[in-house]
Structure formats: structure tokens, C-alpha cells
């Protein structure tokens, strides 16, 4: 078991307009998850996304693989 703490950060593309999420990518290897939280609610809930699923999501975003509604 690891005692590594999440190192939270926002995307460099964030305009800091208050509608951001933060991730802690440093836990992807040691715990196999990428925690995600609302940047406005630091003590709020955290979603632990499996690292492989988060990686697939980011890859899809980069190639604009998600249709518009």
C-alpha cells in the first residue's frame, strides 16, 4: 500500500474562470487511478477514474473523437 498523496493540478489551458476540474495524475502508476475533483470544492467528492479509462478519454479529446450534441 502506498501513502503517496495526490498532487492536484488544473490544465494549463484553464482560463481559471471557476469552471475547472483538477486531477492528480501522480497516482496513475502507484494506485492505477486518476482522481478528479471540482476545483471550487476542494473538500468535496473525488472520482477515482481507472488510469486506462482516463488515458482513453484524453486520447479521444485530443483527436476530437466525441461528436457534438
PDB file of N, CA and C in Angstrom:
ATOM      1  N   UNK A   1       0.848  -1.193   0.000  1.00  0.00           N
ATOM      2  CA  UNK A   1       0.000   0.000   0.000  1.00  0.00           C
ATOM      3  C   UNK A   1       0.883   1.242   0.000  1.00  0.00           C
ATOM      4  N   UNK A   2       0.493   2.197  -0.772  1.00  0.00           N
ATOM      5  CA  UNK A   2       1.261   3.442  -0.870  1.00  0.00           C
ATOM      6  C   UNK A   2       0.606   4.542  -0.035  1.00  0.00           C
ATOM      7  N   UNK A   3       1.425   5.410   0.477  1.00  0.00           N
ATOM      8  CA  UNK A   3       0.910   6.550   1.247  1.00  0.00           C
ATOM      9  C   UNK A   3       1.069   7.845   0.475  1.00  0.00           C
ATOM     10  N   UNK A   4       1.326   7.708  -0.809  1.00  0.00           N
ATOM     11  CA  UNK A   4       1.512   8.885  -1.655  1.00  0.00           C
ATOM     12  C   UNK A   4       0.233   9.723  -1.692  1.00  0.00           C
ATOM     13  N   UNK A   5       0.391  11.018  -1.514  1.00  0.00           N
ATOM     14  CA  UNK A   5      -0.746  11.937  -1.537  1.00  0.00           C
ATOM     15  C   UNK A   5      -0.968  12.461  -2.952  1.00  0.00           C
ATOM     16  N   UNK A   6      -2.224  12.774  -3.294  1.00  0.00           N
ATOM     17  CA  UNK A   6      -2.486  13.345  -4.619  1.00  0.00           C
ATOM     18  C   UNK A   6      -1.836  14.713  -4.768  1.00  0.00           C
ATOM     19  N   UNK A   7      -1.251  14.954  -5.922  1.00  0.00           N
ATOM     20  CA  UNK A   7      -0.720  16.280  -6.261  1.00  0.00           C
ATOM     21  C   UNK A   7      -1.666  16.861  -7.311  1.00  0.00           C
ATOM     22  N   UNK A   8      -2.567  17.701  -6.863  1.00  0.00           N
ATOM     23  CA  UNK A   8      -3.631  18.236  -7.702  1.00  0.00           C
ATOM     24  C   UNK A   8      -3.114  19.318  -8.636  1.00  0.00           C
ATOM     25  N   UNK A   9      -3.643  19.328  -9.873  1.00  0.00           N
ATOM     26  CA  UNK A   9      -3.350  20.421 -10.789  1.00  0.00           C
ATOM     27  C   UNK A   9      -4.488  20.589 -11.786  1.00  0.00           C
ATOM     28  N   UNK A  10      -4.563  21.796 -12.329  1.00  0.00           N
ATOM     29  CA  UNK A  10      -5.518  22.127 -13.389  1.00  0.00           C
ATOM     30  C   UNK A  10      -4.763  22.209 -14.705  1.00  0.00           C
ATOM     31  N   UNK A  11      -5.460  22.033 -15.781  1.00  0.00           N
ATOM     32  CA  UNK A  11      -4.864  22.126 -17.112  1.00  0.00           C
ATOM     33  C   UNK A  11      -4.267  23.509 -17.343  1.00  0.00           C
ATOM     34  N   UNK A  12      -3.187  23.537 -18.078  1.00  0.00           N
ATOM     35  CA  UNK A  12      -2.593  24.824 -18.455  1.00  0.00           C
ATOM     36  C   UNK A  12      -3.506  25.582 -19.416  1.00  0.00           C
ATOM     37  N   UNK A  13      -4.488  24.901 -19.995  1.00  0.00           N
ATOM     38  CA  UNK A  13      -5.459  25.542 -20.895  1.00  0.00           C
ATOM     39  C   UNK A  13      -6.609  26.176 -20.125  1.00  0.00           C
ATOM     40  N   UNK A  14      -6.656  25.960 -18.824  1.00  0.00           N
ATOM     41  CA  UNK A  14      -7.721  26.518 -18.000  1.00  0.00           C
ATOM     42  C   UNK A  14      -7.573  28.029 -17.926  1.00  0.00           C
ATOM     43  N   UNK A  15      -8.682  28.717 -18.115  1.00  0.00           N
ATOM     44  CA  UNK A  15      -8.632  30.179 -18.031  1.00  0.00           C
ATOM     45  C   UNK A  15      -8.903  30.648 -16.606  1.00  0.00           C
ATOM     46  N   UNK A  16      -8.981  29.704 -15.682  1.00  0.00           N
ATOM     47  CA  UNK A  16      -9.233  29.989 -14.271  1.00  0.00           C
ATOM     48  C   UNK A  16     -10.539  30.764 -14.092  1.00  0.00           C
ATOM     49  N   UNK A  17     -11.540  30.393 -14.885  1.00  0.00           N
ATOM     50  CA  UNK A  17     -12.835  31.042 -14.804  1.00  0.00           C
ATOM     51  C   UNK A  17     -13.764  30.428 -13.777  1.00  0.00           C
ATOM     52  N   UNK A  18     -13.262  29.500 -12.980  1.00  0.00           N
ATOM     53  CA  UNK A  18     -14.066  28.919 -11.922  1.00  0.00           C
ATOM     54  C   UNK A  18     -14.841  27.675 -12.318  1.00  0.00           C
ATOM     55  N   UNK A  19     -14.730  27.235 -13.553  1.00  0.00           N
ATOM     56  CA  UNK A  19     -15.442  26.045 -14.020  1.00  0.00           C
ATOM     57  C   UNK A  19     -14.435  24.943 -14.360  1.00  0.00           C
ATOM     58  N   UNK A  20     -13.535  24.666 -13.449  1.00  0.00           N
ATOM     59  CA  UNK A  20     -12.435  23.756 -13.735  1.00  0.00           C
ATOM     60  C   UNK A  20     -12.522  22.486 -12.902  1.00  0.00           C
ATOM     61  N   UNK A  21     -11.847  21.474 -13.387  1.00  0.00           N
ATOM     62  CA  UNK A  21     -11.616  20.275 -12.596  1.00  0.00           C
ATOM     63  C   UNK A  21     -10.111  20.166 -12.390  1.00  0.00           C
ATOM     64  N   UNK A  22      -9.754  19.442 -11.346  1.00  0.00           N
ATOM     65  CA  UNK A  22      -8.348  19.170 -11.073  1.00  0.00           C
ATOM     66  C   UNK A  22      -8.157  17.664 -11.114  1.00  0.00           C
ATOM     67  N   UNK A  23      -6.968  17.243 -11.516  1.00  0.00           N
ATOM     68  CA  UNK A  23      -6.645  15.825 -11.490  1.00  0.00           C
ATOM     69  C   UNK A  23      -5.351  15.618 -10.724  1.00  0.00           C
ATOM     70  N   UNK A  24      -5.155  14.391 -10.282  1.00  0.00           N
ATOM     71  CA  UNK A  24      -3.918  14.015  -9.600  1.00  0.00           C
ATOM     72  C   UNK A  24      -3.305  12.845 -10.368  1.00  0.00           C
ATOM     73  N   UNK A  25      -2.649  13.161 -11.468  1.00  0.00           N
ATOM     74  CA  UNK A  25      -2.096  12.137 -12.348  1.00  0.00           C
ATOM     75  C   UNK A  25      -0.959  11.349 -11.702  1.00  0.00           C
ATOM     76  N   UNK A  26      -0.390  11.867 -10.630  1.00  0.00           N
ATOM     77  CA  UNK A  26       0.727  11.176  -9.982  1.00  0.00           C
ATOM     78  C   UNK A  26       0.323   9.830  -9.380  1.00  0.00           C
ATOM     79  N   UNK A  27      -0.969   9.564  -9.249  1.00  0.00           N
ATOM     80  CA  UNK A  27      -1.415   8.294  -8.662  1.00  0.00           C
ATOM     81  C   UNK A  27      -1.741   7.243  -9.718  1.00  0.00           C
ATOM     82  N   UNK A  28      -1.587   7.577 -10.995  1.00  0.00           N
ATOM     83  CA  UNK A  28      -1.939   6.638 -12.063  1.00  0.00           C
ATOM     84  C   UNK A  28      -1.120   5.354 -11.992  1.00  0.00           C
ATOM     85  N   UNK A  29       0.159   5.462 -11.752  1.00  0.00           N
ATOM     86  CA  UNK A  29       1.011   4.272 -11.712  1.00  0.00           C
ATOM     87  C   UNK A  29       0.909   3.555 -10.372  1.00  0.00           C
ATOM     88  N   UNK A  30       1.009   4.292  -9.274  1.00  0.00           N
ATOM     89  CA  UNK A  30       1.047   3.651  -7.959  1.00  0.00           C
ATOM     90  C   UNK A  30      -0.288   3.064  -7.519  1.00  0.00           C
ATOM     91  N   UNK A  31      -1.396   3.686  -7.924  1.00  0.00           N
ATOM     92  CA  UNK A  31      -2.724   3.206  -7.499  1.00  0.00           C
ATOM     93  C   UNK A  31      -3.613   2.763  -8.651  1.00  0.00           C
ATOM     94  N   UNK A  32      -3.209   3.076  -9.881  1.00  0.00           N
ATOM     95  CA  UNK A  32      -3.999   2.678 -11.040  1.00  0.00           C
ATOM     96  C   UNK A  32      -5.244   3.521 -11.259  1.00  0.00           C
ATOM     97  N   UNK A  33      -5.287   4.705 -10.637  1.00  0.00           N
ATOM     98  CA  UNK A  33      -6.431   5.602 -10.792  1.00  0.00           C
ATOM     99  C   UNK A  33      -5.952   7.024 -11.033  1.00  0.00           C
ATOM    100  N   UNK A  34      -6.849   7.822 -11.622  1.00  0.00           N
ATOM    101  CA  UNK A  34      -6.609   9.257 -11.763  1.00  0.00           C
ATOM    102  C   UNK A  34      -7.762   9.946 -11.031  1.00  0.00           C
ATOM    103  N   UNK A  35      -7.501  10.443  -9.811  1.00  0.00           N
ATOM    104  CA  UNK A  35      -8.547  11.157  -9.080  1.00  0.00           C
ATOM    105  C   UNK A  35      -8.904  12.472  -9.782  1.00  0.00           C
ATOM    106  N   UNK A  36     -10.191  12.800  -9.786  1.00  0.00           N
ATOM    107  CA  UNK A  36     -10.702  14.019 -10.405  1.00  0.00           C
ATOM    108  C   UNK A  36     -11.615  14.706  -9.400  1.00  0.00           C
ATOM    109  N   UNK A  37     -11.482  16.038  -9.252  1.00  0.00           N
ATOM    110  CA  UNK A  37     -12.342  16.778  -8.324  1.00  0.00           C
ATOM    111  C   UNK A  37     -12.681  18.146  -8.890  1.00  0.00           C
ATOM    112  N   UNK A  38     -13.707  18.757  -8.329  1.00  0.00           N
ATOM    113  CA  UNK A  38     -14.127  20.115  -8.678  1.00  0.00           C
ATOM    114  C   UNK A  38     -13.149  21.085  -8.020  1.00  0.00           C
ATOM    115  N   UNK A  39     -12.577  21.980  -8.798  1.00  0.00           N
ATOM    116  CA  UNK A  39     -11.580  22.902  -8.253  1.00  0.00           C
ATOM    117  C   UNK A  39     -12.173  23.917  -7.280  1.00  0.00           C
ATOM    118  N   UNK A  40     -13.488  24.084  -7.303  1.00  0.00           N
ATOM    119  CA  UNK A  40     -14.127  25.032  -6.380  1.00  0.00           C
ATOM    120  C   UNK A  40     -14.468  24.390  -5.035  1.00  0.00           C
ATOM    121  N   UNK A  41     -14.449  23.065  -4.954  1.00  0.00           N
ATOM    122  CA  UNK A  41     -14.854  22.349  -3.748  1.00  0.00           C
ATOM    123  C   UNK A  41     -13.750  21.365  -3.360  1.00  0.00           C
ATOM    124  N   UNK A  42     -12.688  21.891  -2.792  1.00  0.00           N
ATOM    125  CA  UNK A  42     -11.505  21.086  -2.501  1.00  0.00           C
ATOM    126  C   UNK A  42     -11.760  19.976  -1.494  1.00  0.00           C
ATOM    127  N   UNK A  43     -12.777  20.123  -0.667  1.00  0.00           N
ATOM    128  CA  UNK A  43     -13.116  19.084   0.303  1.00  0.00           C
ATOM    129  C   UNK A  43     -14.293  18.235  -0.161  1.00  0.00           C
ATOM    130  N   UNK A  44     -14.735  18.448  -1.392  1.00  0.00           N
ATOM    131  CA  UNK A  44     -15.875  17.717  -1.935  1.00  0.00           C
ATOM    132  C   UNK A  44     -15.490  16.332  -2.415  1.00  0.00           C
ATOM    133  N   UNK A  45     -16.419  15.690  -3.089  1.00  0.00           N
ATOM    134  CA  UNK A  45     -16.169  14.318  -3.551  1.00  0.00           C
ATOM    135  C   UNK A  45     -15.086  14.249  -4.617  1.00  0.00           C
ATOM    136  N   UNK A  46     -14.453  13.095  -4.673  1.00  0.00           N
ATOM    137  CA  UNK A  46     -13.404  12.819  -5.656  1.00  0.00           C
ATOM    138  C   UNK A  46     -13.818  11.575  -6.432  1.00  0.00           C
ATOM    139  N   UNK A  47     -13.723  11.657  -7.747  1.00  0.00           N
ATOM    140  CA  UNK A  47     -13.972  10.495  -8.598  1.00  0.00           C
ATOM    141  C   UNK A  47     -12.637   9.840  -8.914  1.00  0.00           C
ATOM    142  N   UNK A  48     -12.509   8.559  -8.620  1.00  0.00           N
ATOM    143  CA  UNK A  48     -11.307   7.805  -8.967  1.00  0.00           C
ATOM    144  C   UNK A  48     -11.557   7.092 -10.291  1.00  0.00           C
ATOM    145  N   UNK A  49     -11.011   7.637 -11.358  1.00  0.00           N
ATOM    146  CA  UNK A  49     -11.179   7.083 -12.696  1.00  0.00           C
ATOM    147  C   UNK A  49     -10.039   6.091 -12.948  1.00  0.00           C
ATOM    148  N   UNK A  50     -10.351   4.869 -13.407  1.00  0.00           N
ATOM    149  CA  UNK A  50      -9.261   3.939 -13.732  1.00  0.00           C
ATOM    150  C   UNK A  50      -8.298   4.591 -14.730  1.00  0.00           C
ATOM    151  N   UNK A  51      -7.009   4.412 -14.502  1.00  0.00           N
ATOM    152  CA  UNK A  51      -5.990   5.084 -15.313  1.00  0.00           C
ATOM    153  C   UNK A  51      -6.147   4.782 -16.799  1.00  0.00           C
ATOM    154  N   UNK A  52      -6.467   3.545 -17.166  1.00  0.00           N
ATOM    155  CA  UNK A  52      -6.607   3.206 -18.588  1.00  0.00           C
ATOM    156  C   UNK A  52      -7.813   3.921 -19.194  1.00  0.00           C
ATOM    157  N   UNK A  53      -8.887   4.081 -18.440  1.00  0.00           N
ATOM    158  CA  UNK A  53     -10.074   4.785 -18.941  1.00  0.00           C
ATOM    159  C   UNK A  53      -9.787   6.276 -19.111  1.00  0.00           C
ATOM    160  N   UNK A  54      -9.060   6.870 -18.163  1.00  0.00           N
ATOM    161  CA  UNK A  54      -8.720   8.287 -18.266  1.00  0.00           C
ATOM    162  C   UNK A  54      -7.814   8.526 -19.465  1.00  0.00           C
ATOM    163  N   UNK A  55      -6.867   7.633 -19.677  1.00  0.00           N
ATOM    164  CA  UNK A  55      -5.961   7.744 -20.816  1.00  0.00           C
ATOM    165  C   UNK A  55      -6.731   7.670 -22.139  1.00  0.00           C
ATOM    166  N   UNK A  56      -7.697   6.773 -22.213  1.00  0.00           N
ATOM    167  CA  UNK A  56      -8.525   6.662 -23.420  1.00  0.00           C
ATOM    168  C   UNK A  56      -9.354   7.916 -23.633  1.00  0.00           C
ATOM    169  N   UNK A  57      -9.890   8.472 -22.566  1.00  0.00           N
ATOM    170  CA  UNK A  57     -10.676   9.697 -22.652  1.00  0.00           C
ATOM    171  C   UNK A  57      -9.829  10.847 -23.191  1.00  0.00           C
ATOM    172  N   UNK A  58      -8.646  11.036 -22.627  1.00  0.00           N
ATOM    173  CA  UNK A  58      -7.756  12.120 -23.068  1.00  0.00           C
ATOM    174  C   UNK A  58      -7.369  11.929 -24.533  1.00  0.00           C
ATOM    175  N   UNK A  59      -7.078  10.697 -24.929  1.00  0.00           N
ATOM    176  CA  UNK A  59      -6.734  10.436 -26.325  1.00  0.00           C
ATOM    177  C   UNK A  59      -7.902  10.804 -27.239  1.00  0.00           C
ATOM    178  N   UNK A  60      -9.122  10.485 -26.823  1.00  0.00           N
ATOM    179  CA  UNK A  60     -10.300  10.842 -27.612  1.00  0.00           C
ATOM    180  C   UNK A  60     -10.494  12.332 -27.727  1.00  0.00           C
ATOM    181  N   UNK A  61     -10.248  13.047 -26.648  1.00  0.00           N
ATOM    182  CA  UNK A  61     -10.369  14.511 -26.675  1.00  0.00           C
ATOM    183  C   UNK A  61      -9.352  15.098 -27.643  1.00  0.00           C
ATOM    184  N   UNK A  62      -8.157  14.583 -27.613  1.00  0.00           N
ATOM    185  CA  UNK A  62      -7.092  15.135 -28.471  1.00  0.00           C
ATOM    186  C   UNK A  62      -7.406  14.990 -29.953  1.00  0.00           C
ATOM    187  N   UNK A  63      -8.098  13.928 -30.336  1.00  0.00           N
ATOM    188  CA  UNK A  63      -8.420  13.740 -31.757  1.00  0.00           C
ATOM    189  C   UNK A  63      -9.859  14.126 -32.074  1.00  0.00           C
ATOM    190  N   UNK A  64     -10.508  14.803 -31.105  1.00  0.00           N
ATOM    191  CA  UNK A  64     -11.888  15.262 -31.273  1.00  0.00           C
ATOM    192  C   UNK A  64     -12.791  14.123 -31.700  1.00  0.00           C
ATOM    193  N   UNK A  65     -12.693  13.011 -30.967  1.00  0.00           N
ATOM    194  CA  UNK A  65     -13.439  11.802 -31.285  1.00  0.00           C
ATOM    195  C   UNK A  65     -14.844  11.786 -30.706  1.00  0.00           C
ATOM    196  N   UNK A  66     -15.279  12.871 -30.103  1.00  0.00           N
ATOM    197  CA  UNK A  66     -16.583  12.935 -29.487  1.00  0.00           C
ATOM    198  C   UNK A  66     -17.470  13.852 -30.334  1.00  0.00           C
ATOM    199  N   UNK A  67     -18.590  13.331 -30.774  1.00  0.00           N
ATOM    200  CA  UNK A  67     -19.500  14.113 -31.591  1.00  0.00           C
ATOM    201  C   UNK A  67     -20.134  15.245 -30.811  1.00  0.00           C
ATOM    202  N   UNK A  68     -20.746  16.146 -31.529  1.00  0.00           N
ATOM    203  CA  UNK A  68     -21.458  17.242 -30.879  1.00  0.00           C
ATOM    204  C   UNK A  68     -22.914  16.857 -30.715  1.00  0.00           C
ATOM    205  N   UNK A  69     -23.548  17.458 -29.752  1.00  0.00           N
ATOM    206  CA  UNK A  69     -24.959  17.177 -29.469  1.00  0.00           C
ATOM    207  C   UNK A  69     -25.829  18.174 -30.180  1.00  0.00           C
TER     208      UNK A  69
END
